[in-house]
Amino acid sequence: MLTYVQATVIGAVQGVTELFPVSSLGHSVLFAAWLGGDWQTLVGPDESESGTPYLAFVVALHVATAVALLCHYRRDWYEIISGFVTVLRTRRPVTVAQRLAWLIVIASVPVAILGPLLVHPLHALFAAPICTGFFLTLNGVVLLVGEGLRRRNEPTLAEYGRRFALRGSGRRGATSQENARRQADRRLAALDARDALGIGFAQLGALLTGFSRAGLTMVGGLWRGLEHVHAAKFAFLLATPAILGAGLVEIPVLVGPETEGIHGPILAGALVSGISSWLAVRFLERYFQTRTLLPFAAYSLIVGIASIIRFC
């Protein structure tokens, strides 16, 4: 049985690590395995397959994270959805919001098609703590490589000037913070369809327990010349429909007989997860304005290698 203490602790861990580039699913496995005892029994050998109480709990945590992201980026999503509706009519994206809408749609295609087919088989195959530790170690390596790719592929100012010729980059009478947000969105909107598709395929790596969705997506953005703060925002925007879609598909598990008697802990964990996700995205937006992925790479390597040694 899932207790309130377990639900709130795991909810907090999941809410933070879903957005930090260190793998939330990997931490849900390793956290329970390191603590052992009743915690370890939460994730049994079949818990990554459909129709299990722990899966229902994880689904609720993910939906809470998606809701937190929607609330935080509510103005962005209003403009993006409005832009998407407009482009459906005009067939031509000419503003920053309209182009961002199509880039998110393109980048979401790989996970929308392959995610439902691969998520349960891969989670069931690699949910063992030693496998999770191995992939978390590789996650650290990927983050290190991503930092090198950024320095190598950083566009010149002249290239930015050519690629950012989009309408809607600023607004008269807007606050400096609002115009700064719009200026940052111009850099995201300068990605092309191939960039978006490549980042979308990078996101698929998070289906392997131990790889971070946010980390892989950020590395894809750095590879295409984005700065850390812009790559992070695109990662969070792209994660929102992916996390929410996966959660809504699994909603029937939440109301099934498997969760009878643990609805209270599930709701408590989801609430904590949503709050911690909201705090995490606010922190990371400030963090990536001046800092890099290197601390998260070091953390992944240390915890991953320690977990391999512990569970081998």
C-alpha atoms as a PDB file:
ATOM      1  CA  MET A   1       0.000   0.000   0.000  1.00  0.00           C
ATOM      2  CA  LEU A   2       1.126   3.525  -0.811  1.00  0.00           C
ATOM      3  CA  THR A   3       1.336   5.670   2.331  1.00  0.00           C
ATOM      4  CA  TYR A   4       0.943   9.437   2.553  1.00  0.00           C
ATOM      5  CA  VAL A   5       4.614   9.810   3.505  1.00  0.00           C
ATOM      6  CA  GLN A   6       5.758   7.768   0.511  1.00  0.00           C
ATOM      7  CA  ALA A   7       3.390   9.620  -1.816  1.00  0.00           C
ATOM      8  CA  THR A   8       4.507  13.101  -0.751  1.00  0.00           C
ATOM      9  CA  VAL A   9       8.227  12.278  -0.784  1.00  0.00           C
ATOM     10  CA  ILE A  10       8.098  10.590  -4.200  1.00  0.00           C
ATOM     11  CA  GLY A  11       5.851  13.388  -5.487  1.00  0.00           C
ATOM     12  CA  ALA A  12       8.438  15.989  -4.486  1.00  0.00           C
ATOM     13  CA  VAL A  13      11.293  13.996  -6.034  1.00  0.00           C
ATOM     14  CA  GLN A  14       9.378  13.434  -9.277  1.00  0.00           C
ATOM     15  CA  GLY A  15       8.239  17.043  -9.556  1.00  0.00           C
ATOM     16  CA  VAL A  16      11.799  18.348  -9.341  1.00  0.00           C
ATOM     17  CA  THR A  17      13.610  15.687 -11.358  1.00  0.00           C
ATOM     18  CA  GLU A  18      11.054  15.765 -14.200  1.00  0.00           C
ATOM     19  CA  LEU A  19      12.351  19.233 -15.108  1.00  0.00           C
ATOM     20  CA  PHE A  20      15.915  18.999 -13.831  1.00  0.00           C
ATOM     21  CA  PRO A  21      17.975  17.152 -16.491  1.00  0.00           C
ATOM     22  CA  VAL A  22      18.553  14.104 -14.273  1.00  0.00           C
ATOM     23  CA  SER A  23      15.637  11.737 -15.149  1.00  0.00           C
ATOM     24  CA  SER A  24      12.505  11.622 -13.014  1.00  0.00           C
ATOM     25  CA  LEU A  25      11.699   8.026 -13.962  1.00  0.00           C
ATOM     26  CA  GLY A  26      15.244   6.981 -13.125  1.00  0.00           C
ATOM     27  CA  HIS A  27      14.962   8.604  -9.719  1.00  0.00           C
ATOM     28  CA  SER A  28      11.612   6.949  -9.035  1.00  0.00           C
ATOM     29  CA  VAL A  29      13.373   3.595  -9.462  1.00  0.00           C
ATOM     30  CA  LEU A  30      16.703   4.398  -7.793  1.00  0.00           C
ATOM     31  CA  PHE A  31      15.220   6.357  -4.893  1.00  0.00           C
ATOM     32  CA  ALA A  32      13.052   3.417  -3.853  1.00  0.00           C
ATOM     33  CA  ALA A  33      15.858   0.915  -4.458  1.00  0.00           C
ATOM     34  CA  TRP A  34      18.393   2.846  -2.357  1.00  0.00           C
ATOM     35  CA  LEU A  35      15.979   3.218   0.558  1.00  0.00           C
ATOM     36  CA  GLY A  36      14.942  -0.438   0.383  1.00  0.00           C
ATOM     37  CA  GLY A  37      12.335  -1.993   2.662  1.00  0.00           C
ATOM     38  CA  ASP A  38       8.761  -0.908   2.048  1.00  0.00           C
ATOM     39  CA  TRP A  39       9.936   1.684  -0.447  1.00  0.00           C
ATOM     40  CA  GLN A  40      11.502  -0.898  -2.724  1.00  0.00           C
ATOM     41  CA  THR A  41       8.342  -2.990  -2.802  1.00  0.00           C
ATOM     42  CA  LEU A  42       6.512  -0.095  -4.476  1.00  0.00           C
ATOM     43  CA  VAL A  43       8.245  -0.911  -7.762  1.00  0.00           C
ATOM     44  CA  GLY A  44       7.981  -4.626  -8.346  1.00  0.00           C
ATOM     45  CA  PRO A  45       9.218  -6.490 -11.424  1.00  0.00           C
ATOM     46  CA  ASP A  46       5.925  -5.908 -13.241  1.00  0.00           C
ATOM     47  CA  GLU A  47       5.243  -2.357 -12.096  1.00  0.00           C
ATOM     48  CA  SER A  48       6.230  -0.851 -15.431  1.00  0.00           C
ATOM     49  CA  GLU A  49       3.421  -2.634 -17.221  1.00  0.00           C
ATOM     50  CA  SER A  50      -0.091  -1.241 -17.471  1.00  0.00           C
ATOM     51  CA  GLY A  51      -2.703  -1.759 -14.818  1.00  0.00           C
ATOM     52  CA  THR A  52      -0.570  -1.414 -11.659  1.00  0.00           C
ATOM     53  CA  PRO A  53      -1.125   0.904  -8.673  1.00  0.00           C
ATOM     54  CA  TYR A  54       2.339   2.444  -8.854  1.00  0.00           C
ATOM     55  CA  LEU A  55       1.914   3.243 -12.551  1.00  0.00           C
ATOM     56  CA  ALA A  56      -1.360   4.979 -11.718  1.00  0.00           C
ATOM     57  CA  PHE A  57       0.458   7.017  -9.071  1.00  0.00           C
ATOM     58  CA  VAL A  58       3.230   7.994 -11.507  1.00  0.00           C
ATOM     59  CA  VAL A  59       0.566   8.977 -14.082  1.00  0.00           C
ATOM     60  CA  ALA A  60      -1.012  11.347 -11.543  1.00  0.00           C
ATOM     61  CA  LEU A  61       2.385  12.890 -10.770  1.00  0.00           C
ATOM     62  CA  HIS A  62       3.069  13.505 -14.455  1.00  0.00           C
ATOM     63  CA  VAL A  63      -0.325  15.102 -15.030  1.00  0.00           C
ATOM     64  CA  ALA A  64       0.352  17.407 -12.068  1.00  0.00           C
ATOM     65  CA  THR A  65       3.712  18.414 -13.579  1.00  0.00           C
ATOM     66  CA  ALA A  66       2.055  19.156 -16.930  1.00  0.00           C
ATOM     67  CA  VAL A  67      -0.579  21.308 -15.218  1.00  0.00           C
ATOM     68  CA  ALA A  68       2.179  23.225 -13.396  1.00  0.00           C
ATOM     69  CA  LEU A  69       3.952  23.871 -16.704  1.00  0.00           C
ATOM     70  CA  LEU A  70       0.707  25.004 -18.325  1.00  0.00           C
ATOM     71  CA  CYS A  71       0.108  27.454 -15.487  1.00  0.00           C
ATOM     72  CA  HIS A  72       3.650  28.814 -15.582  1.00  0.00           C
ATOM     73  CA  TYR A  73       3.669  29.279 -19.363  1.00  0.00           C
ATOM     74  CA  ARG A  74       0.013  30.185 -19.660  1.00  0.00           C
ATOM     75  CA  ARG A  75       0.677  33.363 -21.688  1.00  0.00           C
ATOM     76  CA  ASP A  76       3.015  31.506 -24.028  1.00  0.00           C
ATOM     77  CA  TRP A  77       0.500  28.718 -24.543  1.00  0.00           C
ATOM     78  CA  TYR A  78      -2.311  31.194 -25.199  1.00  0.00           C
ATOM     79  CA  GLU A  79      -0.243  32.807 -27.965  1.00  0.00           C
ATOM     80  CA  ILE A  80       0.987  29.455 -29.314  1.00  0.00           C
ATOM     81  CA  ILE A  81      -2.492  27.926 -29.492  1.00  0.00           C
ATOM     82  CA  SER A  82      -3.901  31.101 -31.045  1.00  0.00           C
ATOM     83  CA  GLY A  83      -1.058  31.069 -33.559  1.00  0.00           C
ATOM     84  CA  PHE A  84      -1.692  27.429 -34.391  1.00  0.00           C
ATOM     85  CA  VAL A  85      -5.378  28.115 -35.078  1.00  0.00           C
ATOM     86  CA  THR A  86      -4.434  31.055 -37.281  1.00  0.00           C
ATOM     87  CA  VAL A  87      -1.929  29.038 -39.304  1.00  0.00           C
ATOM     88  CA  LEU A  88      -4.530  26.337 -39.893  1.00  0.00           C
ATOM     89  CA  ARG A  89      -6.494  29.025 -41.693  1.00  0.00           C
ATOM     90  CA  THR A  90      -3.708  30.966 -43.430  1.00  0.00           C
ATOM     91  CA  ARG A  91      -1.310  28.018 -44.068  1.00  0.00           C
ATOM     92  CA  ARG A  92       1.647  30.348 -43.466  1.00  0.00           C
ATOM     93  CA  PRO A  93       3.366  31.046 -40.105  1.00  0.00           C
ATOM     94  CA  VAL A  94       4.568  34.640 -40.121  1.00  0.00           C
ATOM     95  CA  THR A  95       4.771  35.542 -36.415  1.00  0.00           C
ATOM     96  CA  VAL A  96       6.949  34.175 -33.643  1.00  0.00           C
ATOM     97  CA  ALA A  97       3.991  32.511 -31.905  1.00  0.00           C
ATOM     98  CA  GLN A  98       2.733  30.916 -35.133  1.00  0.00           C
ATOM     99  CA  ARG A  99       6.163  29.514 -35.963  1.00  0.00           C
ATOM    100  CA  LEU A 100       6.660  28.249 -32.408  1.00  0.00           C
ATOM    101  CA  ALA A 101       3.321  26.440 -32.668  1.00  0.00           C
ATOM    102  CA  TRP A 102       4.406  24.520 -35.744  1.00  0.00           C
ATOM    103  CA  LEU A 103       7.848  23.756 -34.349  1.00  0.00           C
ATOM    104  CA  ILE A 104       6.254  22.220 -31.237  1.00  0.00           C
ATOM    105  CA  VAL A 105       3.882  20.179 -33.406  1.00  0.00           C
ATOM    106  CA  ILE A 106       6.777  18.901 -35.557  1.00  0.00           C
ATOM    107  CA  ALA A 107       8.972  18.108 -32.549  1.00  0.00           C
ATOM    108  CA  SER A 108       6.088  16.228 -30.890  1.00  0.00           C
ATOM    109  CA  VAL A 109       5.560  13.864 -33.835  1.00  0.00           C
ATOM    110  CA  PRO A 110       8.245  11.250 -32.917  1.00  0.00           C
ATOM    111  CA  VAL A 111       7.073  10.780 -29.314  1.00  0.00           C
ATOM    112  CA  ALA A 112       3.400  10.888 -30.343  1.00  0.00           C
ATOM    113  CA  ILE A 113       3.913   8.029 -32.828  1.00  0.00           C
ATOM    114  CA  LEU A 114       6.571   5.878 -31.162  1.00  0.00           C
ATOM    115  CA  GLY A 115       5.982   6.689 -27.491  1.00  0.00           C
ATOM    116  CA  PRO A 116       2.770   4.653 -27.032  1.00  0.00           C
ATOM    117  CA  LEU A 117       4.379   1.688 -28.806  1.00  0.00           C
ATOM    118  CA  LEU A 118       7.639   1.653 -26.845  1.00  0.00           C
ATOM    119  CA  VAL A 119       6.970   3.136 -23.409  1.00  0.00           C
ATOM    120  CA  HIS A 120       5.716   0.024 -21.574  1.00  0.00           C
ATOM    121  CA  PRO A 121       8.090  -2.525 -23.205  1.00  0.00           C
ATOM    122  CA  LEU A 122      11.149  -0.349 -22.579  1.00  0.00           C
ATOM    123  CA  HIS A 123      10.166   0.510 -19.007  1.00  0.00           C
ATOM    124  CA  ALA A 124       9.530  -3.151 -18.230  1.00  0.00           C
ATOM    125  CA  LEU A 125      12.856  -4.162 -19.794  1.00  0.00           C
ATOM    126  CA  PHE A 126      15.077  -1.522 -18.185  1.00  0.00           C
ATOM    127  CA  ALA A 127      13.360  -0.738 -14.864  1.00  0.00           C
ATOM    128  CA  ALA A 128      15.938  -2.697 -12.835  1.00  0.00           C
ATOM    129  CA  PRO A 129      18.099  -0.402 -10.654  1.00  0.00           C
ATOM    130  CA  ILE A 130      21.359  -1.492 -12.295  1.00  0.00           C
ATOM    131  CA  CYS A 131      19.979  -0.688 -15.774  1.00  0.00           C
ATOM    132  CA  THR A 132      18.695   2.648 -14.517  1.00  0.00           C
ATOM    133  CA  GLY A 133      22.116   3.436 -13.037  1.00  0.00           C
ATOM    134  CA  PHE A 134      23.764   2.605 -16.358  1.00  0.00           C
ATOM    135  CA  PHE A 135      21.462   4.887 -18.354  1.00  0.00           C
ATOM    136  CA  LEU A 136      21.764   7.670 -15.765  1.00  0.00           C
ATOM    137  CA  THR A 137      25.544   7.473 -16.225  1.00  0.00           C
ATOM    138  CA  LEU A 138      25.070   7.754 -19.989  1.00  0.00           C
ATOM    139  CA  ASN A 139      22.768  10.710 -19.359  1.00  0.00           C
ATOM    140  CA  GLY A 140      25.687  12.472 -17.684  1.00  0.00           C
ATOM    141  CA  VAL A 141      27.903  11.719 -20.680  1.00  0.00           C
ATOM    142  CA  VAL A 142      25.283  13.112 -23.069  1.00  0.00           C
ATOM    143  CA  LEU A 143      25.019  16.329 -21.049  1.00  0.00           C
ATOM    144  CA  LEU A 144      28.802  16.737 -21.198  1.00  0.00           C
ATOM    145  CA  VAL A 145      28.771  16.199 -24.963  1.00  0.00           C
ATOM    146  CA  GLY A 146      25.935  18.719 -25.268  1.00  0.00           C
ATOM    147  CA  GLU A 147      28.079  21.429 -23.705  1.00  0.00           C
ATOM    148  CA  GLY A 148      30.777  20.779 -26.288  1.00  0.00           C
ATOM    149  CA  LEU A 149      28.244  20.857 -29.118  1.00  0.00           C
ATOM    150  CA  ARG A 150      26.973  24.249 -28.026  1.00  0.00           C
ATOM    151  CA  ARG A 151      30.390  25.876 -28.227  1.00  0.00           C
ATOM    152  CA  ARG A 152      30.985  24.317 -31.634  1.00  0.00           C
ATOM    153  CA  ASN A 153      27.617  25.175 -33.189  1.00  0.00           C
ATOM    154  CA  GLU A 154      26.898  28.604 -31.712  1.00  0.00           C
ATOM    155  CA  PRO A 155      25.552  30.761 -34.586  1.00  0.00           C
ATOM    156  CA  THR A 156      27.131  34.090 -35.440  1.00  0.00           C
ATOM    157  CA  LEU A 157      25.300  37.370 -34.830  1.00  0.00           C
ATOM    158  CA  ALA A 158      24.874  37.786 -38.587  1.00  0.00           C
ATOM    159  CA  GLU A 159      23.244  34.353 -38.836  1.00  0.00           C
ATOM    160  CA  TYR A 160      20.887  35.239 -35.995  1.00  0.00           C
ATOM    161  CA  GLY A 161      19.982  38.434 -37.804  1.00  0.00           C
ATOM    162  CA  ARG A 162      18.988  36.488 -40.925  1.00  0.00           C
ATOM    163  CA  ARG A 163      17.103  33.743 -39.140  1.00  0.00           C
ATOM    164  CA  PHE A 164      15.209  35.938 -36.676  1.00  0.00           C
ATOM    165  CA  ALA A 165      13.419  38.058 -39.294  1.00  0.00           C
ATOM    166  CA  LEU A 166       9.993  37.271 -37.811  1.00  0.00           C
ATOM    167  CA  ARG A 167       7.119  39.494 -36.835  1.00  0.00           C
ATOM    168  CA  GLY A 168       5.879  39.749 -33.268  1.00  0.00           C
ATOM    169  CA  SER A 169       9.254  40.067 -31.506  1.00  0.00           C
ATOM    170  CA  GLY A 170       8.208  43.050 -29.418  1.00  0.00           C
ATOM    171  CA  ARG A 171       5.204  45.121 -28.493  1.00  0.00           C
ATOM    172  CA  ARG A 172       4.869  48.831 -27.845  1.00  0.00           C
ATOM    173  CA  GLY A 173       3.758  49.554 -24.297  1.00  0.00           C
ATOM    174  CA  ALA A 174       4.760  46.105 -23.021  1.00  0.00           C
ATOM    175  CA  THR A 175       6.888  45.750 -19.903  1.00  0.00           C
ATOM    176  CA  SER A 176      10.614  45.111 -20.231  1.00  0.00           C
ATOM    177  CA  GLN A 177      10.081  41.601 -18.881  1.00  0.00           C
ATOM    178  CA  GLU A 178       7.405  40.903 -21.491  1.00  0.00           C
ATOM    179  CA  ASN A 179       9.564  42.201 -24.342  1.00  0.00           C
ATOM    180  CA  ALA A 180      12.510  40.163 -23.045  1.00  0.00           C
ATOM    181  CA  ARG A 181      10.315  37.070 -23.182  1.00  0.00           C
ATOM    182  CA  ARG A 182       9.302  37.864 -26.744  1.00  0.00           C
ATOM    183  CA  GLN A 183      12.908  38.526 -27.742  1.00  0.00           C
ATOM    184  CA  ALA A 184      13.893  35.128 -26.333  1.00  0.00           C
ATOM    185  CA  ASP A 185      11.067  33.466 -28.261  1.00  0.00           C
ATOM    186  CA  ARG A 186      12.517  34.843 -31.496  1.00  0.00           C
ATOM    187  CA  ARG A 187      15.542  32.621 -30.980  1.00  0.00           C
ATOM    188  CA  LEU A 188      13.342  29.574 -30.545  1.00  0.00           C
ATOM    189  CA  ALA A 189      11.259  30.462 -33.579  1.00  0.00           C
ATOM    190  CA  ALA A 190      14.434  30.664 -35.684  1.00  0.00           C
ATOM    191  CA  LEU A 191      14.752  26.873 -35.551  1.00  0.00           C
ATOM    192  CA  ASP A 192      13.727  25.122 -38.749  1.00  0.00           C
ATOM    193  CA  ALA A 193      11.674  21.969 -39.268  1.00  0.00           C
ATOM    194  CA  ARG A 194      14.737  19.697 -39.326  1.00  0.00           C
ATOM    195  CA  ASP A 195      15.952  21.189 -36.049  1.00  0.00           C
ATOM    196  CA  ALA A 196      12.561  20.589 -34.421  1.00  0.00           C
ATOM    197  CA  LEU A 197      12.333  17.023 -35.717  1.00  0.00           C
ATOM    198  CA  GLY A 198      15.846  16.230 -34.503  1.00  0.00           C
ATOM    199  CA  ILE A 199      15.048  17.579 -31.038  1.00  0.00           C
ATOM    200  CA  GLY A 200      11.828  15.557 -31.086  1.00  0.00           C
ATOM    201  CA  PHE A 201      13.744  12.339 -31.784  1.00  0.00           C
ATOM    202  CA  ALA A 202      16.212  13.219 -29.006  1.00  0.00           C
ATOM    203  CA  GLN A 203      13.245  13.374 -26.628  1.00  0.00           C
ATOM    204  CA  LEU A 204      12.514   9.696 -27.374  1.00  0.00           C
ATOM    205  CA  GLY A 205      15.635   8.731 -25.428  1.00  0.00           C
ATOM    206  CA  ALA A 206      13.744   9.500 -22.207  1.00  0.00           C
ATOM    207  CA  LEU A 207      11.798   6.258 -22.760  1.00  0.00           C
ATOM    208  CA  LEU A 208      14.935   4.529 -21.433  1.00  0.00           C
ATOM    209  CA  THR A 209      14.761   4.697 -17.639  1.00  0.00           C
ATOM    210  CA  GLY A 210      17.652   6.930 -16.556  1.00  0.00           C
ATOM    211  CA  PHE A 211      17.737   9.352 -19.474  1.00  0.00           C
ATOM    212  CA  SER A 212      16.250  12.801 -18.859  1.00  0.00           C
ATOM    213  CA  ARG A 213      13.597  14.176 -21.212  1.00  0.00           C
ATOM    214  CA  ALA A 214      14.551  17.752 -20.347  1.00  0.00           C
ATOM    215  CA  GLY A 215      18.272  16.989 -20.611  1.00  0.00           C
ATOM    216  CA  LEU A 216      18.074  15.311 -24.011  1.00  0.00           C
ATOM    217  CA  THR A 217      15.830  18.053 -25.393  1.00  0.00           C
ATOM    218  CA  MET A 218      18.164  20.740 -24.088  1.00  0.00           C
ATOM    219  CA  VAL A 219      21.159  19.020 -25.654  1.00  0.00           C
ATOM    220  CA  GLY A 220      19.271  18.958 -28.949  1.00  0.00           C
ATOM    221  CA  GLY A 221      18.643  22.695 -28.621  1.00  0.00           C
ATOM    222  CA  LEU A 222      22.285  23.403 -27.759  1.00  0.00           C
ATOM    223  CA  TRP A 223      23.314  21.317 -30.765  1.00  0.00           C
ATOM    224  CA  ARG A 224      21.286  23.662 -32.974  1.00  0.00           C
ATOM    225  CA  GLY A 225      22.930  26.745 -31.489  1.00  0.00           C
ATOM    226  CA  LEU A 226      20.441  27.822 -28.819  1.00  0.00           C
ATOM    227  CA  GLU A 227      21.640  29.330 -25.563  1.00  0.00           C
ATOM    228  CA  HIS A 228      20.936  27.435 -22.361  1.00  0.00           C
ATOM    229  CA  VAL A 229      17.978  29.550 -21.258  1.00  0.00           C
ATOM    230  CA  HIS A 230      16.306  29.241 -24.672  1.00  0.00           C
ATOM    231  CA  ALA A 231      17.014  25.517 -24.958  1.00  0.00           C
ATOM    232  CA  ALA A 232      15.501  25.049 -21.486  1.00  0.00           C
ATOM    233  CA  LYS A 233      12.338  26.941 -22.363  1.00  0.00           C
ATOM    234  CA  PHE A 234      11.845  24.943 -25.559  1.00  0.00           C
ATOM    235  CA  ALA A 235      12.402  21.745 -23.565  1.00  0.00           C
ATOM    236  CA  PHE A 236       9.721  22.729 -21.051  1.00  0.00           C
ATOM    237  CA  LEU A 237       7.248  23.820 -23.737  1.00  0.00           C
ATOM    238  CA  LEU A 238       7.832  20.601 -25.674  1.00  0.00           C
ATOM    239  CA  ALA A 239       7.522  18.468 -22.545  1.00  0.00           C
ATOM    240  CA  THR A 240       4.096  19.865 -21.676  1.00  0.00           C
ATOM    241  CA  PRO A 241       2.017  18.165 -24.415  1.00  0.00           C
ATOM    242  CA  ALA A 242       4.143  14.990 -24.193  1.00  0.00           C
ATOM    243  CA  ILE A 243       3.701  14.613 -20.432  1.00  0.00           C
ATOM    244  CA  LEU A 244       0.048  15.656 -20.466  1.00  0.00           C
ATOM    245  CA  GLY A 245      -0.787  13.402 -23.416  1.00  0.00           C
ATOM    246  CA  ALA A 246       0.885  10.367 -21.862  1.00  0.00           C
ATOM    247  CA  GLY A 247      -0.886  11.039 -18.575  1.00  0.00           C
ATOM    248  CA  LEU A 248      -4.336  11.442 -20.116  1.00  0.00           C
ATOM    249  CA  VAL A 249      -3.946   8.193 -22.063  1.00  0.00           C
ATOM    250  CA  GLU A 250      -3.313   6.362 -18.784  1.00  0.00           C
ATOM    251  CA  ILE A 251      -6.096   8.104 -16.833  1.00  0.00           C
ATOM    252  CA  PRO A 252      -8.324   4.957 -16.892  1.00  0.00           C
ATOM    253  CA  VAL A 253      -5.710   3.285 -14.672  1.00  0.00           C
ATOM    254  CA  LEU A 254      -6.278   6.004 -12.059  1.00  0.00           C
ATOM    255  CA  VAL A 255      -9.969   5.199 -11.733  1.00  0.00           C
ATOM    256  CA  GLY A 256      -9.587   1.428 -12.023  1.00  0.00           C
ATOM    257  CA  PRO A 257      -9.866  -1.130  -9.232  1.00  0.00           C
ATOM    258  CA  GLU A 258      -6.079  -1.209  -8.815  1.00  0.00           C
ATOM    259  CA  THR A 259      -6.122   2.179  -7.043  1.00  0.00           C
ATOM    260  CA  GLU A 260      -8.914   1.418  -4.607  1.00  0.00           C
ATOM    261  CA  GLY A 261      -7.927   2.582  -1.147  1.00  0.00           C
ATOM    262  CA  ILE A 262      -5.003   4.823  -2.205  1.00  0.00           C
ATOM    263  CA  HIS A 263      -6.816   7.754  -3.829  1.00  0.00           C
ATOM    264  CA  GLY A 264      -5.873   9.990  -0.877  1.00  0.00           C
ATOM    265  CA  PRO A 265      -2.106   9.376  -1.134  1.00  0.00           C
ATOM    266  CA  ILE A 266      -2.285   9.724  -4.939  1.00  0.00           C
ATOM    267  CA  LEU A 267      -3.922  13.142  -4.649  1.00  0.00           C
ATOM    268  CA  ALA A 268      -1.429  14.229  -1.981  1.00  0.00           C
ATOM    269  CA  GLY A 269       1.512  13.126  -4.094  1.00  0.00           C
ATOM    270  CA  ALA A 270       0.103  14.853  -7.193  1.00  0.00           C
ATOM    271  CA  LEU A 271      -0.349  18.109  -5.279  1.00  0.00           C
ATOM    272  CA  VAL A 272       3.220  18.027  -3.982  1.00  0.00           C
ATOM    273  CA  SER A 273       4.496  17.115  -7.457  1.00  0.00           C
ATOM    274  CA  GLY A 274       2.683  20.050  -9.047  1.00  0.00           C
ATOM    275  CA  ILE A 275       4.012  22.549  -6.502  1.00  0.00           C
ATOM    276  CA  SER A 276       7.584  21.239  -6.719  1.00  0.00           C
ATOM    277  CA  SER A 277       7.434  21.310 -10.547  1.00  0.00           C
ATOM    278  CA  TRP A 278       6.270  24.926 -10.489  1.00  0.00           C
ATOM    279  CA  LEU A 279       9.121  25.879  -8.144  1.00  0.00           C
ATOM    280  CA  ALA A 280      11.607  23.893 -10.244  1.00  0.00           C
ATOM    281  CA  VAL A 281      10.759  25.599 -13.540  1.00  0.00           C
ATOM    282  CA  ARG A 282      10.994  29.044 -11.908  1.00  0.00           C
ATOM    283  CA  PHE A 283      14.412  28.162 -10.483  1.00  0.00           C
ATOM    284  CA  LEU A 284      15.732  26.664 -13.738  1.00  0.00           C
ATOM    285  CA  GLU A 285      14.674  29.663 -15.808  1.00  0.00           C
ATOM    286  CA  ARG A 286      16.899  31.853 -13.652  1.00  0.00           C
ATOM    287  CA  TYR A 287      19.645  29.261 -13.358  1.00  0.00           C
ATOM    288  CA  PHE A 288      20.145  28.765 -17.097  1.00  0.00           C
ATOM    289  CA  GLN A 289      20.440  32.485 -17.755  1.00  0.00           C
ATOM    290  CA  THR A 290      24.069  32.311 -16.602  1.00  0.00           C
ATOM    291  CA  ARG A 291      24.912  28.650 -15.936  1.00  0.00           C
ATOM    292  CA  THR A 292      25.334  25.361 -17.763  1.00  0.00           C
ATOM    293  CA  LEU A 293      24.476  21.657 -17.685  1.00  0.00           C
ATOM    294  CA  LEU A 294      27.825  20.658 -16.155  1.00  0.00           C
ATOM    295  CA  PRO A 295      26.622  20.297 -12.514  1.00  0.00           C
ATOM    296  CA  PHE A 296      23.778  18.041 -13.670  1.00  0.00           C
ATOM    297  CA  ALA A 297      26.205  16.018 -15.770  1.00  0.00           C
ATOM    298  CA  ALA A 298      28.460  15.506 -12.743  1.00  0.00           C
ATOM    299  CA  TYR A 299      25.493  14.536 -10.562  1.00  0.00           C
ATOM    300  CA  SER A 300      24.264  11.984 -13.123  1.00  0.00           C
ATOM    301  CA  LEU A 301      27.710  10.429 -13.438  1.00  0.00           C
ATOM    302  CA  ILE A 302      28.242  10.176  -9.671  1.00  0.00           C
ATOM    303  CA  VAL A 303      24.798   8.777  -8.821  1.00  0.00           C
ATOM    304  CA  GLY A 304      24.752   6.532 -11.887  1.00  0.00           C
ATOM    305  CA  ILE A 305      28.146   4.952 -11.204  1.00  0.00           C
ATOM    306  CA  ALA A 306      27.364   4.605  -7.478  1.00  0.00           C
ATOM    307  CA  SER A 307      24.094   2.840  -8.348  1.00  0.00           C
ATOM    308  CA  ILE A 308      25.859   0.443 -10.735  1.00  0.00           C
ATOM    309  CA  ILE A 309      28.319  -0.473  -7.992  1.00  0.00           C
ATOM    310  CA  ARG A 310      25.549  -0.786  -5.396  1.00  0.00           C
ATOM    311  CA  PHE A 311      23.211  -3.002  -7.410  1.00  0.00           C
ATOM    312  CA  CYS A 312      25.584  -5.067  -9.544  1.00  0.00           C
END
